[in-house]
């Protein structure tokens, strides 16, 4: 089982990749973020609570903890600043 993750904006720069395929045993969005944060300090800081603006699962913006099914495409969008 696997999912495809897309990183946008500054996350793409900080994490050094725009996308990846991740082996996925199943779970929800909180489990996915916890697994990614567990990759190390840079990941934990970039994906810290409050820094991830939105998750998009299969092209649908989601809120809260939602299931991430096998084969899903997950976009992680950072906060956008500006004025």
N, C-alpha and C. Protein backbone atom coordinates (compact mmCIF):
# COMPACT_ATOMS: atom_id res chain seq x y z
N UNK A 1 0.85 -1.17 0.00
CA UNK A 1 0.00 0.00 0.00
C UNK A 1 0.89 1.24 0.00
N UNK A 2 0.46 2.25 -0.71
CA UNK A 2 1.25 3.48 -0.77
C UNK A 2 0.35 4.68 -1.04
N UNK A 3 0.90 5.85 -0.73
CA UNK A 3 0.24 7.10 -1.03
C UNK A 3 1.25 8.03 -1.70
N UNK A 4 0.76 9.02 -2.41
CA UNK A 4 1.62 10.01 -3.04
C UNK A 4 1.45 11.32 -2.28
N UNK A 5 2.57 11.91 -1.89
CA UNK A 5 2.53 13.17 -1.14
C UNK A 5 3.14 14.27 -1.99
N UNK A 6 2.45 15.40 -2.07
CA UNK A 6 2.92 16.57 -2.80
C UNK A 6 3.19 17.68 -1.78
N UNK A 7 4.36 18.30 -1.89
CA UNK A 7 4.74 19.39 -0.99
C UNK A 7 4.74 20.69 -1.79
N UNK A 8 4.18 21.75 -1.21
CA UNK A 8 4.06 23.01 -1.91
C UNK A 8 4.76 24.14 -1.16
N UNK A 9 5.01 25.23 -1.90
CA UNK A 9 5.57 26.44 -1.31
C UNK A 9 6.88 26.21 -0.60
N UNK A 10 7.01 26.83 0.56
CA UNK A 10 8.27 26.74 1.30
C UNK A 10 8.56 25.32 1.77
N UNK A 11 7.53 24.49 1.93
CA UNK A 11 7.77 23.10 2.33
C UNK A 11 8.61 22.38 1.29
N UNK A 12 8.33 22.64 0.04
CA UNK A 12 9.09 22.04 -1.05
C UNK A 12 10.56 22.41 -0.92
N UNK A 13 10.83 23.67 -0.61
CA UNK A 13 12.21 24.14 -0.47
C UNK A 13 12.88 23.58 0.78
N UNK A 14 12.19 23.67 1.92
CA UNK A 14 12.77 23.24 3.20
C UNK A 14 13.01 21.73 3.23
N UNK A 15 12.08 20.97 2.68
CA UNK A 15 12.19 19.51 2.74
C UNK A 15 12.95 18.92 1.56
N UNK A 16 13.26 19.76 0.58
CA UNK A 16 14.10 19.32 -0.53
C UNK A 16 13.43 18.38 -1.51
N UNK A 17 12.13 18.44 -1.59
CA UNK A 17 11.41 17.59 -2.55
C UNK A 17 10.02 18.16 -2.81
N UNK A 18 9.54 17.93 -3.98
CA UNK A 18 8.20 18.39 -4.35
C UNK A 18 7.16 17.31 -4.21
N UNK A 19 7.62 16.06 -4.23
CA UNK A 19 6.69 14.95 -4.09
C UNK A 19 7.45 13.68 -3.73
N UNK A 20 6.71 12.69 -3.27
CA UNK A 20 7.28 11.38 -2.98
C UNK A 20 6.15 10.36 -2.89
N UNK A 21 6.51 9.12 -3.04
CA UNK A 21 5.60 8.02 -2.80
C UNK A 21 6.01 7.38 -1.48
N UNK A 22 5.04 7.21 -0.60
CA UNK A 22 5.31 6.72 0.75
C UNK A 22 4.59 5.40 0.97
N UNK A 23 5.31 4.40 1.47
CA UNK A 23 4.65 3.17 1.89
C UNK A 23 3.68 3.53 3.00
N UNK A 24 2.45 3.04 2.93
CA UNK A 24 1.42 3.47 3.86
C UNK A 24 0.62 2.26 4.34
N UNK A 25 0.67 2.04 5.65
CA UNK A 25 -0.06 0.93 6.24
C UNK A 25 -1.49 1.31 6.58
N UNK A 26 -1.85 2.55 6.31
CA UNK A 26 -3.19 3.03 6.61
C UNK A 26 -3.19 3.91 7.85
N UNK A 27 -4.22 4.70 7.98
CA UNK A 27 -4.35 5.61 9.11
C UNK A 27 -4.98 6.90 8.66
N UNK A 28 -4.88 7.89 9.54
CA UNK A 28 -5.50 9.17 9.23
C UNK A 28 -4.47 10.26 9.03
N UNK A 29 -4.95 11.47 8.81
CA UNK A 29 -4.06 12.60 8.55
C UNK A 29 -3.14 12.89 9.72
N UNK A 30 -3.61 12.71 10.95
CA UNK A 30 -2.75 12.93 12.12
C UNK A 30 -1.60 11.92 12.14
N UNK A 31 -1.89 10.67 11.79
CA UNK A 31 -0.86 9.64 11.76
C UNK A 31 0.17 9.93 10.67
N UNK A 32 -0.30 10.43 9.53
CA UNK A 32 0.62 10.77 8.45
C UNK A 32 1.56 11.89 8.88
N UNK A 33 1.00 12.97 9.44
CA UNK A 33 1.84 14.08 9.87
C UNK A 33 2.81 13.64 10.97
N UNK A 34 2.37 12.79 11.88
CA UNK A 34 3.26 12.29 12.94
C UNK A 34 4.41 11.49 12.33
N UNK A 35 4.12 10.67 11.34
CA UNK A 35 5.16 9.87 10.69
C UNK A 35 6.17 10.77 9.98
N UNK A 36 5.68 11.79 9.30
CA UNK A 36 6.59 12.71 8.61
C UNK A 36 7.42 13.51 9.60
N UNK A 37 6.81 13.97 10.68
CA UNK A 37 7.55 14.72 11.70
C UNK A 37 8.64 13.86 12.34
N UNK A 38 8.43 12.56 12.38
CA UNK A 38 9.39 11.64 12.97
C UNK A 38 10.65 11.44 12.14
N UNK A 39 10.72 12.05 10.98
CA UNK A 39 11.89 11.91 10.11
C UNK A 39 13.08 12.73 10.59
N UNK A 40 12.87 13.64 11.51
CA UNK A 40 13.99 14.44 12.00
C UNK A 40 13.58 15.86 12.30
N UNK A 41 14.54 16.61 12.80
CA UNK A 41 14.29 17.97 13.28
C UNK A 41 13.74 18.90 12.19
N UNK A 42 14.32 18.85 10.99
CA UNK A 42 13.84 19.72 9.91
C UNK A 42 12.38 19.42 9.57
N UNK A 43 12.05 18.14 9.53
CA UNK A 43 10.68 17.73 9.23
C UNK A 43 9.74 18.15 10.36
N UNK A 44 10.15 17.91 11.60
CA UNK A 44 9.31 18.25 12.75
C UNK A 44 9.03 19.74 12.79
N UNK A 45 10.04 20.55 12.49
CA UNK A 45 9.86 21.99 12.52
C UNK A 45 8.99 22.47 11.35
N UNK A 46 9.26 21.97 10.16
CA UNK A 46 8.50 22.40 8.98
C UNK A 46 7.03 22.01 9.05
N UNK A 47 6.74 20.87 9.69
CA UNK A 47 5.38 20.37 9.76
C UNK A 47 4.77 20.48 11.15
N UNK A 48 5.33 21.37 11.97
CA UNK A 48 4.83 21.55 13.34
C UNK A 48 3.37 21.99 13.32
N UNK A 49 2.66 21.61 14.36
CA UNK A 49 1.27 22.02 14.48
C UNK A 49 1.20 23.54 14.39
N UNK A 50 0.26 24.02 13.63
CA UNK A 50 0.12 25.45 13.44
C UNK A 50 0.83 25.96 12.21
N UNK A 51 1.77 25.19 11.68
CA UNK A 51 2.48 25.61 10.46
C UNK A 51 1.85 25.01 9.21
N UNK A 52 1.26 23.86 9.32
CA UNK A 52 0.60 23.26 8.15
C UNK A 52 -0.75 23.94 7.99
N UNK A 53 -0.94 24.60 6.87
CA UNK A 53 -2.16 25.37 6.64
C UNK A 53 -3.32 24.47 6.22
N UNK A 54 -3.09 23.64 5.26
CA UNK A 54 -4.15 22.78 4.75
C UNK A 54 -3.58 21.45 4.25
N UNK A 55 -4.40 20.43 4.38
CA UNK A 55 -4.13 19.16 3.73
C UNK A 55 -5.21 18.99 2.65
N UNK A 56 -4.78 18.45 1.53
CA UNK A 56 -5.70 18.17 0.43
C UNK A 56 -5.57 16.68 0.15
N UNK A 57 -6.67 15.95 0.27
CA UNK A 57 -6.66 14.51 0.04
C UNK A 57 -7.51 14.24 -1.19
N UNK A 58 -6.87 13.67 -2.20
CA UNK A 58 -7.55 13.38 -3.47
C UNK A 58 -8.30 14.62 -3.99
N UNK A 59 -7.59 15.75 -3.96
CA UNK A 59 -8.04 17.03 -4.49
C UNK A 59 -9.21 17.64 -3.73
N UNK A 60 -9.39 17.21 -2.48
CA UNK A 60 -10.41 17.79 -1.62
C UNK A 60 -9.74 18.38 -0.38
N UNK A 61 -9.94 19.66 -0.11
CA UNK A 61 -9.40 20.28 1.10
C UNK A 61 -10.09 19.62 2.30
N UNK A 62 -9.30 19.19 3.27
CA UNK A 62 -9.86 18.51 4.45
C UNK A 62 -9.53 19.30 5.71
N UNK A 63 -10.31 19.07 6.73
CA UNK A 63 -10.09 19.70 8.03
C UNK A 63 -10.12 18.60 9.08
N UNK A 64 -9.26 18.75 10.08
CA UNK A 64 -9.23 17.77 11.17
C UNK A 64 -8.62 16.46 10.72
N UNK A 65 -8.89 15.45 11.51
CA UNK A 65 -8.34 14.11 11.23
C UNK A 65 -9.29 13.38 10.28
N UNK A 66 -8.74 13.00 9.13
CA UNK A 66 -9.53 12.28 8.13
C UNK A 66 -8.74 11.04 7.69
N UNK A 67 -9.42 9.97 7.31
CA UNK A 67 -8.73 8.78 6.83
C UNK A 67 -7.94 9.09 5.55
N UNK A 68 -6.78 8.46 5.44
CA UNK A 68 -5.96 8.54 4.23
C UNK A 68 -5.98 7.14 3.61
N UNK A 69 -6.76 6.94 2.56
CA UNK A 69 -6.87 5.61 1.97
C UNK A 69 -5.65 5.23 1.13
N UNK A 70 -5.48 3.95 0.93
CA UNK A 70 -4.42 3.46 0.05
C UNK A 70 -4.59 4.10 -1.32
N UNK A 71 -3.48 4.51 -1.91
CA UNK A 71 -3.49 5.10 -3.23
C UNK A 71 -3.84 6.58 -3.27
N UNK A 72 -4.05 7.18 -2.11
CA UNK A 72 -4.44 8.59 -2.07
C UNK A 72 -3.31 9.50 -2.52
N UNK A 73 -3.70 10.67 -3.00
CA UNK A 73 -2.77 11.75 -3.27
C UNK A 73 -3.01 12.80 -2.19
N UNK A 74 -1.96 13.14 -1.44
CA UNK A 74 -2.07 14.08 -0.33
C UNK A 74 -1.19 15.29 -0.61
N UNK A 75 -1.80 16.45 -0.67
CA UNK A 75 -1.05 17.69 -0.82
C UNK A 75 -0.92 18.37 0.54
N UNK A 76 0.26 18.87 0.83
CA UNK A 76 0.47 19.60 2.09
C UNK A 76 0.81 21.04 1.71
N UNK A 77 -0.08 21.95 2.10
CA UNK A 77 0.03 23.36 1.75
C UNK A 77 0.45 24.16 2.98
N UNK A 78 1.54 24.92 2.89
CA UNK A 78 1.96 25.74 4.03
C UNK A 78 1.08 26.98 4.17
N UNK A 79 1.19 27.67 5.31
CA UNK A 79 0.46 28.93 5.45
C UNK A 79 0.93 29.91 4.39
N UNK A 80 0.03 30.75 3.96
CA UNK A 80 0.36 31.77 2.97
C UNK A 80 0.31 33.12 3.67
N UNK A 81 1.37 33.91 3.49
CA UNK A 81 1.38 35.24 4.08
C UNK A 81 1.33 36.27 2.98
N UNK A 82 0.95 37.41 3.34
CA UNK A 82 0.90 38.48 2.35
C UNK A 82 -0.11 39.54 2.78
N UNK A 83 -0.28 40.50 1.95
CA UNK A 83 -1.22 41.53 2.35
C UNK A 83 -1.63 42.40 1.23
